Each structure stands twice: as C-alpha cells, then as structure tokens.
Protein backbone atom coordinates (compact mmCIF):
# COMPACT_ATOMS: atom_id res chain seq x y z
CA MET A 1 -1.65 -2.58 50.93
CA HIS A 2 1.12 -3.59 48.11
CA ILE A 3 -0.15 -3.62 44.50
CA ARG A 4 2.02 -5.68 42.37
CA PRO A 5 2.42 -4.49 38.76
CA ARG A 6 1.26 -6.63 36.00
CA PRO A 7 3.97 -6.47 33.18
CA LYS A 8 1.79 -8.12 30.70
CA LEU A 9 -1.09 -5.92 30.91
CA ILE A 10 1.21 -2.81 30.81
CA PHE A 11 2.76 -4.25 27.85
CA LEU A 12 -0.50 -5.12 26.00
CA ALA A 13 -1.85 -1.49 26.44
CA VAL A 14 1.46 0.22 25.15
CA ALA A 15 1.52 -2.20 22.27
CA CYS A 16 -2.31 -1.31 21.43
CA LEU A 17 -1.47 2.54 21.30
CA PRO A 18 -0.19 2.82 17.87
CA TRP A 19 -3.35 0.86 16.57
CA ILE A 20 -5.73 3.23 18.66
CA GLY A 21 -4.41 6.37 16.86
CA GLY A 22 -4.54 4.76 13.53
CA CYS A 23 -8.43 3.82 14.37
CA ALA A 24 -9.16 7.38 15.14
CA GLY A 25 -7.41 9.07 12.13
CA ARG A 26 -4.70 10.65 14.27
CA SER A 27 -0.98 9.56 14.69
CA LEU A 28 0.30 9.21 18.02
CA GLN A 29 3.14 11.74 17.12
CA GLU A 30 0.62 14.18 16.13
CA ILE A 31 -1.43 13.70 19.57
CA ALA A 32 1.53 13.79 21.78
CA GLY A 33 2.98 16.96 19.73
CA ASN A 34 -0.36 18.61 20.59
CA GLY A 35 -0.03 18.13 24.53
CA TRP A 36 -1.91 14.68 24.47
CA ARG A 37 -5.03 16.63 23.12
CA VAL A 38 -7.16 15.26 20.25
CA GLY A 39 -9.33 17.41 18.08
CA PRO A 40 -8.46 20.83 16.09
CA ASN A 41 -6.63 23.48 17.56
CA TYR A 42 -8.66 26.79 17.26
CA GLU A 43 -7.77 29.67 14.86
CA ALA A 44 -10.15 32.55 14.35
CA PRO A 45 -11.54 32.22 10.95
CA LYS A 46 -11.40 35.15 8.40
CA ALA A 47 -14.36 37.51 7.69
CA ALA A 48 -14.71 39.77 4.83
CA VAL A 49 -14.66 43.45 5.70
CA ALA A 50 -14.76 46.47 3.56
CA ASP A 51 -11.41 47.98 2.86
CA ASP A 52 -13.13 51.65 3.57
CA TRP A 53 -16.56 53.27 4.14
CA ILE A 54 -18.34 54.08 0.96
CA ASP A 55 -18.71 57.79 2.01
CA SER A 56 -15.03 57.85 3.62
CA GLU A 57 -14.08 61.03 1.39
CA ASN A 58 -16.99 63.03 3.13
CA VAL A 59 -15.51 65.74 5.23
CA ARG A 60 -18.17 64.77 7.93
CA VAL A 61 -16.61 61.25 8.19
CA GLU A 62 -13.60 61.19 10.36
CA ARG A 63 -12.04 57.68 9.64
CA GLY A 64 -8.83 58.28 11.19
CA GLN A 65 -10.04 58.89 14.70
CA GLU A 66 -11.55 56.20 17.17
CA PRO A 67 -15.09 56.66 18.37
CA ALA A 68 -15.37 58.07 21.79
CA GLY A 69 -16.33 55.94 24.43
CA ARG A 70 -18.76 58.12 25.91
CA TRP A 71 -20.29 59.22 22.35
CA TRP A 72 -23.49 60.73 23.68
CA GLU A 73 -21.51 63.51 25.18
CA ALA A 74 -21.22 65.01 21.52
CA PHE A 75 -24.83 65.86 21.85
CA ALA A 76 -23.71 68.15 24.76
CA ASP A 77 -27.00 67.20 26.66
CA PRO A 78 -26.59 66.81 30.34
CA ALA A 79 -30.08 65.39 30.82
CA LEU A 80 -29.05 62.53 28.53
CA SER A 81 -25.74 61.66 30.21
CA GLN A 82 -27.34 61.83 33.40
CA LEU A 83 -29.86 59.11 32.02
CA VAL A 84 -27.56 57.12 30.59
CA ASP A 85 -25.58 56.85 33.96
CA LEU A 86 -28.89 56.04 35.68
CA ALA A 87 -29.67 53.42 33.23
CA TYR A 88 -26.22 51.63 33.76
CA GLY A 89 -26.77 51.44 37.37
CA GLN A 90 -30.26 50.41 37.58
CA ASN A 91 -31.29 48.57 34.35
CA LEU A 92 -32.81 44.94 35.13
CA THR A 93 -31.78 43.58 31.61
CA LEU A 94 -28.34 44.68 32.26
CA ARG A 95 -28.37 43.17 35.84
CA GLU A 96 -29.70 39.98 34.19
CA SER A 97 -26.75 40.02 31.93
CA GLY A 98 -24.38 40.33 34.69
CA TRP A 99 -25.80 37.21 36.62
CA ARG A 100 -25.28 35.31 33.40
CA ILE A 101 -21.66 36.05 33.78
CA GLU A 102 -21.58 34.83 37.16
CA GLU A 103 -23.20 31.44 36.14
CA ALA A 104 -21.12 31.01 33.25
CA ARG A 105 -18.31 31.53 35.64
CA ALA A 106 -19.67 28.87 38.03
CA ARG A 107 -20.37 26.44 35.34
CA ARG A 108 -16.76 26.91 33.88
CA ASP A 109 -15.38 25.99 37.42
CA VAL A 110 -17.58 23.04 37.73
CA ILE A 111 -16.26 21.61 34.38
CA ALA A 112 -12.64 22.75 35.66
CA GLY A 113 -12.98 20.23 38.54
CA SER A 114 -13.42 17.32 36.21
CA LEU A 115 -9.53 17.38 36.12
CA TYR A 116 -9.42 15.99 39.37
CA PRO A 117 -10.97 12.59 40.52
CA GLN A 118 -14.50 12.49 39.49
CA LEU A 119 -15.90 10.54 42.08
CA GLN A 120 -14.65 11.40 45.83
CA GLU A 121 -17.26 10.33 48.32
CA LEU A 122 -17.28 9.09 52.09
CA GLN A 123 -19.94 6.21 52.68
CA GLY A 124 -21.25 4.91 55.82
CA ASP A 125 -24.17 2.62 57.18
CA TYR A 126 -25.60 0.64 59.79
CA LEU A 127 -27.58 -2.53 59.03
CA ARG A 128 -29.66 -4.61 61.29
CA THR A 129 -30.87 -8.09 59.65
CA ARG A 130 -33.14 -10.64 60.32
CA ARG A 131 -33.31 -13.64 58.19
CA SER A 132 -36.19 -16.17 57.63
CA THR A 133 -35.34 -19.80 58.49
CA GLU A 134 -37.91 -21.04 56.43
CA THR A 135 -36.59 -20.50 52.72
CA ALA A 136 -34.79 -23.01 50.75
CA LEU A 137 -31.52 -21.21 51.12
CA PHE A 138 -31.34 -21.20 54.92
CA PRO A 139 -28.11 -23.32 55.54
CA PRO A 140 -28.58 -26.31 57.96
CA ILE A 141 -25.08 -25.79 59.44
CA ASP A 142 -23.68 -27.46 63.01
CA PRO A 143 -23.74 -24.72 65.36
CA SER A 144 -20.10 -25.81 66.57
CA SER A 145 -18.84 -25.53 62.89
CA PRO A 146 -16.64 -22.32 62.29
CA PHE A 147 -19.17 -21.37 59.68
CA ALA A 148 -22.07 -21.23 62.02
CA ASN A 149 -22.23 -17.45 61.55
CA LEU A 150 -23.57 -18.19 58.01
CA ALA A 151 -26.83 -19.62 59.69
CA ARG A 152 -27.42 -16.65 62.18
CA THR A 153 -30.78 -15.34 61.73
CA GLU A 154 -29.93 -11.88 63.27
CA PHE A 155 -27.11 -9.75 63.13
CA SER A 156 -25.54 -6.27 62.67
CA ASN A 157 -23.02 -4.72 60.45
CA TRP A 158 -21.34 -1.23 60.85
CA ARG A 159 -19.61 0.01 57.90
CA ILE A 160 -17.71 3.30 57.02
CA GLY A 161 -15.25 4.25 54.08
CA GLY A 162 -14.64 5.73 51.24
CA ALA A 163 -14.23 5.64 47.37
CA LEU A 164 -12.44 7.29 44.82
CA ALA A 165 -12.73 7.07 40.79
CA TRP A 166 -10.34 9.15 38.63
CA GLU A 167 -10.74 8.91 34.61
CA LEU A 168 -7.38 10.38 33.59
CA ASP A 169 -7.41 13.09 30.99
CA PHE A 170 -4.92 11.07 28.73
CA TRP A 171 -6.64 12.43 25.19
CA GLY A 172 -7.43 15.99 26.43
CA ARG A 173 -11.04 15.28 26.85
CA TYR A 174 -11.54 17.49 30.12
CA ARG A 175 -8.95 20.11 29.04
CA ARG A 176 -10.92 20.57 25.80
CA ALA A 177 -14.18 20.64 27.78
CA ILE A 178 -12.44 23.68 29.95
CA GLU A 179 -11.22 25.36 26.78
CA SER A 180 -15.02 25.29 25.50
CA ALA A 181 -16.00 26.62 28.90
CA ASP A 182 -13.59 29.28 28.96
CA ALA A 183 -14.73 30.63 25.49
CA ARG A 184 -18.41 30.50 26.67
CA LEU A 185 -17.46 32.44 29.95
CA ASP A 186 -15.78 35.00 27.57
CA SER A 187 -19.10 35.03 25.38
CA SER A 188 -20.93 35.70 28.43
CA PHE A 189 -18.79 38.77 28.98
CA GLU A 190 -19.39 40.05 25.39
CA ASN A 191 -23.22 39.24 25.89
CA PHE A 192 -22.97 41.74 28.76
CA ASN A 193 -21.24 44.40 26.69
CA GLU A 194 -23.67 43.99 23.88
CA ALA A 195 -26.51 44.54 26.65
CA VAL A 196 -24.58 47.91 27.29
CA VAL A 197 -24.35 48.93 23.82
CA LEU A 198 -27.99 48.39 23.18
CA LEU A 199 -29.43 49.87 26.54
CA VAL A 200 -27.17 53.03 25.85
CA ALA A 201 -28.41 53.55 22.09
CA GLU A 202 -31.99 52.55 23.57
CA VAL A 203 -31.96 55.24 26.05
CA ALA A 204 -30.52 57.77 23.76
CA SER A 205 -33.02 57.04 21.10
CA THR A 206 -35.80 56.94 23.39
CA TYR A 207 -34.74 60.34 24.93
CA VAL A 208 -34.53 61.74 21.21
CA GLU A 209 -37.84 60.48 20.52
CA LEU A 210 -39.33 62.27 23.70
CA ARG A 211 -37.56 65.61 22.61
CA THR A 212 -39.15 65.30 19.33
CA VAL A 213 -42.58 64.54 20.56
CA GLU A 214 -42.01 67.55 22.73
CA GLN A 215 -40.89 69.81 19.73
CA ARG A 216 -44.03 68.39 17.72
CA LEU A 217 -46.40 69.31 20.83
CA GLU A 218 -44.86 72.81 20.89
CA VAL A 219 -45.57 73.20 16.92
CA ALA A 220 -49.28 72.26 17.49
CA ARG A 221 -49.68 74.59 20.55
CA SER A 222 -48.07 77.41 18.54
CA ASN A 223 -50.21 76.84 15.38
CA LEU A 224 -53.34 76.40 17.53
CA ILE A 225 -52.71 79.99 18.76
CA LEU A 226 -52.73 81.16 15.07
CA GLN A 227 -56.02 78.99 14.24
CA GLU A 228 -57.69 80.43 17.29
CA GLU A 229 -56.97 83.96 15.96
CA SER A 230 -58.19 82.88 12.49
CA ALA A 231 -61.31 81.45 14.10
CA ARG A 232 -62.01 84.70 16.09
CA VAL A 233 -61.63 86.70 12.88
CA ALA A 234 -63.92 84.20 10.79
CA GLN A 235 -66.64 84.85 13.59
CA ALA A 236 -66.46 88.69 13.68
CA ARG A 237 -66.69 88.60 9.98
CA LEU A 238 -69.87 86.46 10.33
CA ASP A 239 -71.10 88.79 12.89
CA ALA A 240 -70.36 91.56 10.41
CA ARG A 241 -72.19 89.63 7.74
CA ALA A 242 -69.21 89.58 5.60
CA ALA A 243 -69.11 87.84 2.06
CA ASN A 244 -68.58 84.10 2.49
CA SER A 245 -68.25 84.27 6.21
CA GLU A 246 -71.21 81.70 6.50
CA LEU A 247 -68.27 79.09 5.24
CA ASP A 248 -65.43 80.65 6.78
CA THR A 249 -66.42 80.29 10.48
CA PRO A 250 -67.16 76.65 10.69
CA GLN A 251 -64.15 75.85 8.60
CA ALA A 252 -61.87 77.85 10.84
CA LYS A 253 -63.31 76.15 13.85
CA ALA A 254 -63.11 72.68 12.28
CA ASN A 255 -59.44 73.35 11.72
CA LEU A 256 -59.03 74.56 15.39
CA TYR A 257 -60.66 71.73 16.87
CA ASN A 258 -58.67 69.45 14.82
CA THR A 259 -55.55 70.64 15.85
CA ARG A 260 -56.54 70.26 19.58
CA GLY A 261 -57.24 66.63 18.81
CA VAL A 262 -53.67 66.35 17.46
CA ILE A 263 -52.33 67.55 20.51
CA GLU A 264 -54.29 65.24 22.58
CA ALA A 265 -52.73 62.40 20.45
CA ILE A 266 -49.36 63.71 21.04
CA GLU A 267 -49.70 64.15 24.83
CA ILE A 268 -50.52 60.31 24.67
CA GLN A 269 -47.24 59.37 22.86
CA ARG A 270 -45.17 61.80 25.10
CA ARG A 271 -46.44 59.94 28.22
CA GLN A 272 -45.82 56.47 26.51
CA VAL A 273 -42.31 57.52 25.65
CA GLU A 274 -41.84 58.61 29.37
CA ASN A 275 -42.90 55.51 30.52
CA ARG A 276 -40.81 53.45 28.09
CA LEU A 277 -37.75 55.59 29.44
CA CYS A 278 -38.71 54.75 33.08
CA VAL A 279 -38.46 50.95 32.40
CA LEU A 280 -34.96 51.41 30.83
CA LEU A 281 -33.95 53.16 34.03
CA GLY A 282 -35.27 50.17 36.00
CA MET A 283 -38.04 52.11 37.79
CA PRO A 284 -41.88 52.04 37.52
CA PRO A 285 -43.26 54.38 35.40
CA GLN A 286 -43.31 57.98 36.84
CA ALA A 287 -43.17 61.52 36.24
CA LEU A 288 -39.36 62.40 34.93
CA ALA A 289 -39.70 65.99 35.07
CA GLU A 290 -36.57 66.08 37.72
CA VAL A 291 -34.36 63.97 35.75
CA LEU A 292 -35.39 65.42 32.22
CA GLN A 293 -34.67 69.16 33.40
CA PRO A 294 -36.00 71.89 31.22
CA SER A 295 -36.01 70.84 27.61
CA GLY A 296 -33.26 72.36 25.55
CA GLY A 297 -34.87 71.01 22.40
CA ILE A 298 -34.09 68.02 20.14
CA PRO A 299 -30.34 67.12 20.56
CA LEU A 300 -28.26 68.49 17.69
CA ALA A 301 -26.42 66.04 15.59
CA PRO A 302 -22.63 66.77 15.79
CA GLU A 303 -20.97 68.19 12.33
CA ALA A 304 -18.80 65.31 12.01
CA VAL A 305 -18.53 61.75 13.75
CA ALA A 306 -15.45 59.70 14.21
CA VAL A 307 -15.71 56.20 12.77
CA GLY A 308 -12.53 54.62 12.51
CA VAL A 309 -12.05 51.86 9.75
CA PRO A 310 -14.38 49.06 8.90
CA ALA A 311 -11.94 46.48 10.23
CA ASP A 312 -12.36 47.85 13.46
CA LEU A 313 -15.83 46.31 13.69
CA LEU A 314 -14.35 42.96 14.34
CA ARG A 315 -12.85 44.49 17.57
CA ARG A 316 -15.29 46.93 18.67
CA ARG A 317 -18.54 45.11 18.06
CA PRO A 318 -19.42 42.83 21.08
CA ASP A 319 -22.00 40.78 19.11
CA VAL A 320 -19.07 40.00 16.49
CA ARG A 321 -16.65 38.98 19.34
CA ARG A 322 -19.53 36.89 20.82
CA ALA A 323 -19.90 35.09 17.72
CA GLU A 324 -16.28 34.32 17.52
CA ARG A 325 -15.94 33.19 21.25
CA LEU A 326 -19.01 30.65 20.66
CA LEU A 327 -16.99 29.55 17.60
CA ALA A 328 -13.79 28.87 19.81
CA ALA A 329 -16.06 27.01 22.23
CA GLN A 330 -17.76 24.96 19.56
CA SER A 331 -14.11 24.02 18.13
CA ALA A 332 -13.04 22.45 21.50
CA GLN A 333 -16.40 20.48 21.37
CA ILE A 334 -14.87 18.75 18.64
CA GLY A 335 -12.12 17.49 20.49
CA VAL A 336 -14.45 16.16 23.37
CA ALA A 337 -16.37 14.43 20.75
CA GLU A 338 -13.27 12.78 19.22
CA SER A 339 -11.96 11.59 22.75
CA ASP A 340 -14.96 9.10 22.76
CA LEU A 341 -12.90 7.42 19.87
CA TYR A 342 -10.21 6.38 22.20
CA PRO A 343 -10.17 4.08 25.29
CA HIS A 344 -11.01 5.91 28.60
CA LEU A 345 -8.30 5.26 31.23
CA SER A 346 -9.00 5.45 34.80
CA ILE A 347 -8.07 4.46 38.31
CA ALA A 348 -10.73 3.52 41.10
CA GLY A 349 -10.20 2.58 44.68
CA SER A 350 -11.97 2.10 47.93
CA MET A 351 -11.08 1.63 51.50
CA GLY A 352 -13.04 1.24 54.74
CA TRP A 353 -13.99 -0.46 57.91
CA GLU A 354 -16.60 -3.11 58.39
CA ALA A 355 -17.54 -4.98 61.58
CA GLN A 356 -20.43 -6.73 63.33
CA ARG A 357 -19.97 -4.50 66.67
CA PHE A 358 -19.33 -0.70 66.69
CA GLY A 359 -16.36 -1.26 69.04
CA ASP A 360 -14.51 -3.59 66.72
CA LEU A 361 -15.02 -1.22 63.79
CA PHE A 362 -11.39 0.49 63.82
CA ASN A 363 -9.53 -2.79 64.38
CA GLY A 364 -6.82 -3.67 61.90
CA SER A 365 -8.81 -6.94 61.01
CA ALA A 366 -11.92 -4.87 60.17
CA PHE A 367 -10.11 -2.86 57.53
CA SER A 368 -10.80 -3.69 53.63
CA GLY A 369 -9.86 -1.99 50.33
CA ALA A 370 -9.38 -2.17 46.77
CA ILE A 371 -7.43 -0.15 43.99
CA GLY A 372 -6.69 -0.84 40.63
CA PRO A 373 -6.61 0.59 37.00
CA GLY A 374 -9.15 0.05 34.35
CA PHE A 375 -10.23 1.23 30.94
CA ARG A 376 -13.58 1.37 28.88
CA TRP A 377 -13.55 1.75 25.08
CA SER A 378 -16.38 1.64 23.05
CA VAL A 379 -15.12 -0.21 20.04
CA LEU A 380 -18.30 -1.29 18.52
CA ASN A 381 -19.85 2.15 18.81
CA TYR A 382 -17.45 3.75 16.15
CA GLY A 383 -20.14 4.54 13.45
CA ARG A 384 -22.17 6.52 16.22
CA LEU A 385 -19.19 8.11 17.46
CA MET A 386 -17.66 9.21 14.33
CA SER A 387 -21.09 10.61 13.32
CA ASN A 388 -20.96 12.56 16.52
CA VAL A 389 -17.53 14.00 15.55
CA ALA A 390 -18.81 14.70 12.34
CA ALA A 391 -22.12 16.41 13.78
CA GLU A 392 -19.85 18.62 15.96
CA ASP A 393 -17.68 19.57 13.23
CA ALA A 394 -21.00 20.55 11.02
CA ARG A 395 -22.08 22.53 14.20
CA PHE A 396 -18.85 24.40 13.91
CA GLN A 397 -19.08 25.19 10.12
CA GLN A 398 -22.24 26.58 10.75
CA LEU A 399 -21.11 29.01 13.38
CA VAL A 400 -18.25 30.10 10.90
CA ALA A 401 -20.94 30.85 8.65
CA ALA A 402 -22.90 32.80 11.21
CA TYR A 403 -19.78 34.55 12.31
CA GLN A 404 -18.91 35.69 8.96
CA GLN A 405 -22.67 36.74 8.39
CA THR A 406 -22.55 38.68 11.94
CA VAL A 407 -19.64 40.68 10.35
CA LEU A 408 -21.61 41.43 7.35
CA ARG A 409 -24.44 42.65 9.32
CA ALA A 410 -22.34 44.85 11.15
CA ASN A 411 -20.64 46.40 7.99
CA GLU A 412 -24.44 47.03 6.58
CA GLU A 413 -25.54 48.49 9.74
CA ALA A 414 -22.71 50.92 9.89
CA GLU A 415 -22.99 52.04 6.28
CA ASN A 416 -26.76 52.55 6.59
CA ALA A 417 -26.19 54.76 9.67
CA ILE A 418 -23.41 56.84 7.93
CA VAL A 419 -25.49 57.58 4.97
CA ALA A 420 -28.57 58.35 7.08
CA TYR A 421 -26.50 60.60 9.32
CA LEU A 422 -24.89 62.62 6.08
CA HIS A 423 -28.37 63.10 4.14
CA TYR A 424 -30.47 64.02 7.37
CA LEU A 425 -27.87 66.88 8.11
CA ASP A 426 -28.86 68.06 4.37
CA GLN A 427 -32.30 67.45 4.70
CA ILE A 428 -32.76 69.53 8.00
CA LYS A 429 -31.27 72.43 6.00
CA ALA A 430 -33.80 72.04 3.43
CA ARG A 431 -36.65 71.59 6.02
CA GLU A 432 -35.49 74.85 7.75
CA GLU A 433 -35.82 76.80 4.28
CA SER A 434 -39.20 75.22 3.79
CA VAL A 435 -40.47 76.35 7.25
CA ARG A 436 -39.30 80.03 6.70
CA GLN A 437 -40.93 80.19 3.52
CA ALA A 438 -44.30 78.68 4.88
CA GLU A 439 -44.06 81.20 7.93
CA GLU A 440 -43.74 84.07 5.52
CA ALA A 441 -46.73 82.80 3.52
CA GLN A 442 -48.77 82.37 6.68
CA ARG A 443 -47.95 85.74 7.83
CA VAL A 444 -49.00 87.56 4.50
CA ALA A 445 -52.17 85.19 4.11
CA GLN A 446 -53.29 86.24 7.66
CA VAL A 447 -52.90 90.05 6.86
CA LYS A 448 -54.79 89.41 3.38
CA TYR A 449 -57.57 87.61 5.09
CA LEU A 450 -57.95 90.39 7.72
CA GLU A 451 -58.48 92.60 4.97
CA GLY A 452 -60.78 90.56 3.01
CA GLU A 453 -58.51 90.04 0.13
CA ILE A 454 -58.66 86.06 0.14
CA ASP A 455 -61.05 83.74 1.45
CA PHE A 456 -60.41 81.43 4.12
CA ASN A 457 -59.94 78.49 2.10
CA ARG A 458 -56.54 80.02 0.94
CA LEU A 459 -55.75 80.75 4.64
CA PHE A 460 -56.56 77.28 5.78
CA THR A 461 -54.14 75.76 3.00
CA VAL A 462 -51.31 78.14 4.25
CA GLN A 463 -51.75 77.50 7.85
CA GLN A 464 -51.84 73.55 7.18
CA LEU A 465 -48.66 73.92 4.98
CA LEU A 466 -47.02 75.70 8.16
CA LEU A 467 -47.85 73.21 10.56
CA GLY A 468 -46.93 70.28 8.29
CA GLN A 469 -43.79 71.86 7.46
CA GLN A 470 -42.67 72.35 11.20
CA GLU A 471 -43.54 68.78 12.12
CA LEU A 472 -41.31 67.54 9.14
CA LEU A 473 -38.57 69.72 10.56
CA ALA A 474 -38.88 68.30 13.99
CA ILE A 475 -39.04 64.99 12.63
CA ALA A 476 -35.94 65.51 10.46
CA ARG A 477 -34.03 66.75 13.40
CA GLY A 478 -35.07 63.81 15.50
CA ASN A 479 -34.02 61.60 12.81
CA SER A 480 -30.65 62.86 12.58
CA ALA A 481 -30.06 62.69 16.03
CA ARG A 482 -31.19 58.98 15.94
CA SER A 483 -28.99 58.44 12.84
CA VAL A 484 -25.84 59.11 15.21
CA VAL A 485 -27.25 56.94 18.05
CA ASP A 486 -27.58 54.03 15.42
CA LEU A 487 -24.20 54.94 14.14
CA TYR A 488 -22.35 54.53 17.30
CA ARG A 489 -24.37 51.43 18.23
CA ALA A 490 -23.43 50.08 14.57
CA LEU A 491 -19.86 50.88 15.83
CA GLY A 492 -20.03 49.00 18.79
CA GLY A 493 -19.53 52.42 20.88
CA GLY A 494 -20.87 52.53 24.46
CA TRP A 495 -19.39 49.47 26.05
CA ASP A 496 -15.90 50.31 26.66
CA TRP A 497 -16.50 53.55 28.65
CA THR A 498 -16.74 51.43 31.94
CA THR A 499 -16.33 47.65 31.21
CA PRO A 500 -13.00 46.05 31.06
CA ILE A 501 -12.05 43.98 28.10
CA VAL A 502 -12.13 40.47 28.93
CA GLU A 503 -8.75 38.70 29.22
CA PRO A 504 -8.30 35.20 28.07
CA ALA A 505 -9.41 32.97 30.77
CA VAL A 506 -7.05 30.54 32.62
CA GLU A 507 -7.55 26.79 32.97
CA GLU A 508 -7.56 26.72 36.83
CA PRO A 509 -10.64 27.39 38.38
CA ASN A 510 -11.26 30.88 38.88
CA THR A 511 -12.09 31.96 42.60
CA ALA A 512 -11.57 35.58 42.33
CA PRO A 513 -14.31 38.08 42.97
CA ALA A 514 -16.75 39.03 40.30
CA THR A 515 -15.37 41.68 37.59
CA GLN A 516 -17.00 44.89 37.34
CA PRO A 517 -20.04 43.89 34.66
CA ALA A 518 -21.21 41.27 37.20
CA ALA A 519 -20.85 43.47 39.80
CA GLN A 520 -22.58 46.11 38.46
CA GLY A 521 -25.24 43.60 37.28
CA SER A 522 -26.12 42.46 40.66
C-alpha cells in the first residue's frame, strides 16, 4: 500500500508552528532548545537552614562528626540491638512501605509505555446476519444484477486484523509524565526510608519506656519492703499500747496497701508496653522474656552525641527528601498540563482481512487497510487549559512552601532534642543527689521511729519523699535515653544502616528485580 505525501498539508502544518508557540507563550526556539519539551525544568528550591546548632559550643555536642548509622548501639544494650534487627525484618508497616515501592515502580513503567504506540490491538470476529425483507430499506434488486448481494437476507462475515494509534511525544507530554513518575518512585523510596527511621525510633523509645517502667516497679517493691517493716513496728507498738500507736498502725497499713495498688498499676503498664513492642516486632502480643534478656536497667545516654551540622538535615532526613521529590514530580506535571495548549500529532492505521467464507479470508483480495497522520487541537478551550496550567503551578508553589516548612520543622525537632538531651543529663545528677539525701533521711527516720523519738507521721512523710524521688530519678533516666532517641530520629538517623540511597531513575522501563527496601518489605 503506497501512501502519497500531501505537500500542501505538510506546508500548512510547518507554517502554523510559529503561531502555535506564540499562542502558548513559548517560542519554538525555546522549546527546541529544551529537547522539544514544554514546561519548566525543575531546580530544587532553597530552604532556610540554621548555620549552626544553638548549643554547638557544648562539649557534649560533636558537630564535626556524622551521626552513626546504627546509633542505638551507643546504648551498649544487646537486647535493644536485637529488637531493632527483629523489627526491621518483621514489622508489617515497613512491609507495607516496601510494597508501595513496588506499586510506584509498576506505575512508573505503565507511564513509560506511553512513549510507544498507545493503541496496539488485534481484532477478530465472526458475524452471521439475517435481514428482514419487510423493512422500507430492503432494496428490490434484480437477482441477475451485479448488486444482487445487497439484497441477500442471510450472509456471514469473517474478519481478522489489527489497529495501531500513536500520539507522538512532540511537546514532551509523555516524557514529562515519566519525569514525574520517576520522582514519585524516588519519593516512595524516601517514604520507606522514613518508615525505617520511625520504626527504629519507636522500638528504641518503647524499649526505654519498658525499662523505665521496670525500674519504677523495682522502686515500688523496695519501698514496699520498708513500709512492711514500718507497719510491723507500728503493730508491735500498738500491741505494747505505746503512745499514738492507735493512729500509727492504720496509717502505716494504709501507706502499705497504697503502694501495693501502685505496683499493680505499674504491672498493667508494663504488660501494655510489652504488647506494643510485640506489634512493632510484627508478632502477636506475647511474653518477651527470651528476647528482652535479664534487664540491665534503663539504657544510659552517651556522654556526647555526634550531630553533624544543620545543613545535613536536607540530606539525611527522608521526609525532607521525600518532600523535595514530590516537588520535582509536581514540576513535571506543569509541563504535562502545558502540552495541552499545543496540537496533539498522531499516526493511526489499521489492516486486516475480511471475507464471507472463512476459506477466502486470507486471499489477497480480502485485504483492507488504512494509515494516515492526524492531529487534534483544543483551540477553543484555551481559557480552561491555561487555568489548568495555573492550577498545576499553584500546586507546585504549595509544595515549595510545604518543603521549606518541612525543613524548618526538622531543624526545630533537632534543636528540641539537643536541649532536652543536655538538660536531662544535668537533671539526672540532681535527682541522684536528691535520692541519696532521701535515703539517708529515711534511714534516720526509721531508727528514730523504732526508738520512739518521732511519730509515724514524720516517718510517713520521709518514706513518701524517698519513693517520689526514686520514681523521679527513674523517669529522668528514661527521659534522658528517649531524648537521644528523639535526637537521632530528628537527625534522620537509622535508615542508611541497611537501605541504599536511591539513584536517579532512568527513562527506560525498569525491569530489574526489587531493590533491598522492597525485598525486605516483602
């Protein structure tokens, strides 16, 4: 089949090109210089970052060093390290994020397929027809006429063939769509990385909370022993009919039973924290004695932390990088929307064989086909199309502000964690001294009560002071350890110890096997 060119149509199309570019606000030279792609070329926006940390001069803040990948090992707690490894391999939320990567990869490949003919199909059918001879349209034709077949009431028709339609990516519409899909695929990797950061931080924070609850339980039980002795002494004084013994005994027993009630409440809290830890590990709630090992107490915060510099947040925080990748994806969508301002050029064709009898289907005379170029151009919808471009640009500006706000929040979270870390360390020292003084006061008060020099009210006050100070010390130690967890979470630590940094996606469809994040997620 020979297609003869139409010089007049070609000349008309070429002559219209400068006018097309002018209507859309871009010159053809500008479009051609951009690889025949309309829309802006993406550049990462600037974001305000502090020059240095507020407490950068503190000797405990090591800003010249990169935060460690496995930062939780600074606690030197084998049970915590084991829990983090188990959670990475079994957590279901992380697995969900891994499958989101696979979804984004597949959707990217679907969009990449648009560079090729969008319609590629084979067609075939068989049709048996019987016509009514009573209609007004039935032709009264002489049977000897060469057109007698038009008056047949029954006939069959076999048909097989194919069709193809290809809209050329003349203005970069599909290339911009692939560019957007590439950036979204990158953002799905960053979403996985952020899930790792949050998971590690949550496991570490929950573990610290569990050890803090265990410490509080130990404090309550040790105080219970002291209170049991005080109640025994009060009962002995009552039996001996000592002065004020009628009041001392019920007061001592009330204090004793109150502490027992506190112990039960802490036991409930401990079980609930263990259950939460089980869910983070991707397992049903169960006893974790084998995993937790004998308690080594609340993890001790290191004497110094490596924090790098604030500008590292742009590189280390997965949520910041994800926000930047979503920004790149939206920038490409502006080009997709702008391409609607230009004519869509396409080539369409079909070919096939059609015959009344199946045996004649592949005869040369049964062949039919058509091919030809075409275009469609929404010239009367420019108001709507320009508004759509403006909407996509406005969406881009929203994401710019969201990205810059994400950077500011990251800076704030890191600063909050640094100041908490520094002051909790000092608070622990004050609490430890308070506990030492309260223990001495309790020892002296216990002796004086046994000797009858003070009443039980004084001893009760001192015992309550000791219990309160010991609880506050346990809480301060837990807060100090959690401040380290919060600090490394704010710095974006924990994702790069096993997850590779995402490389820029290529434009060809990616058929490689899943990378490590998706494989771990599966």
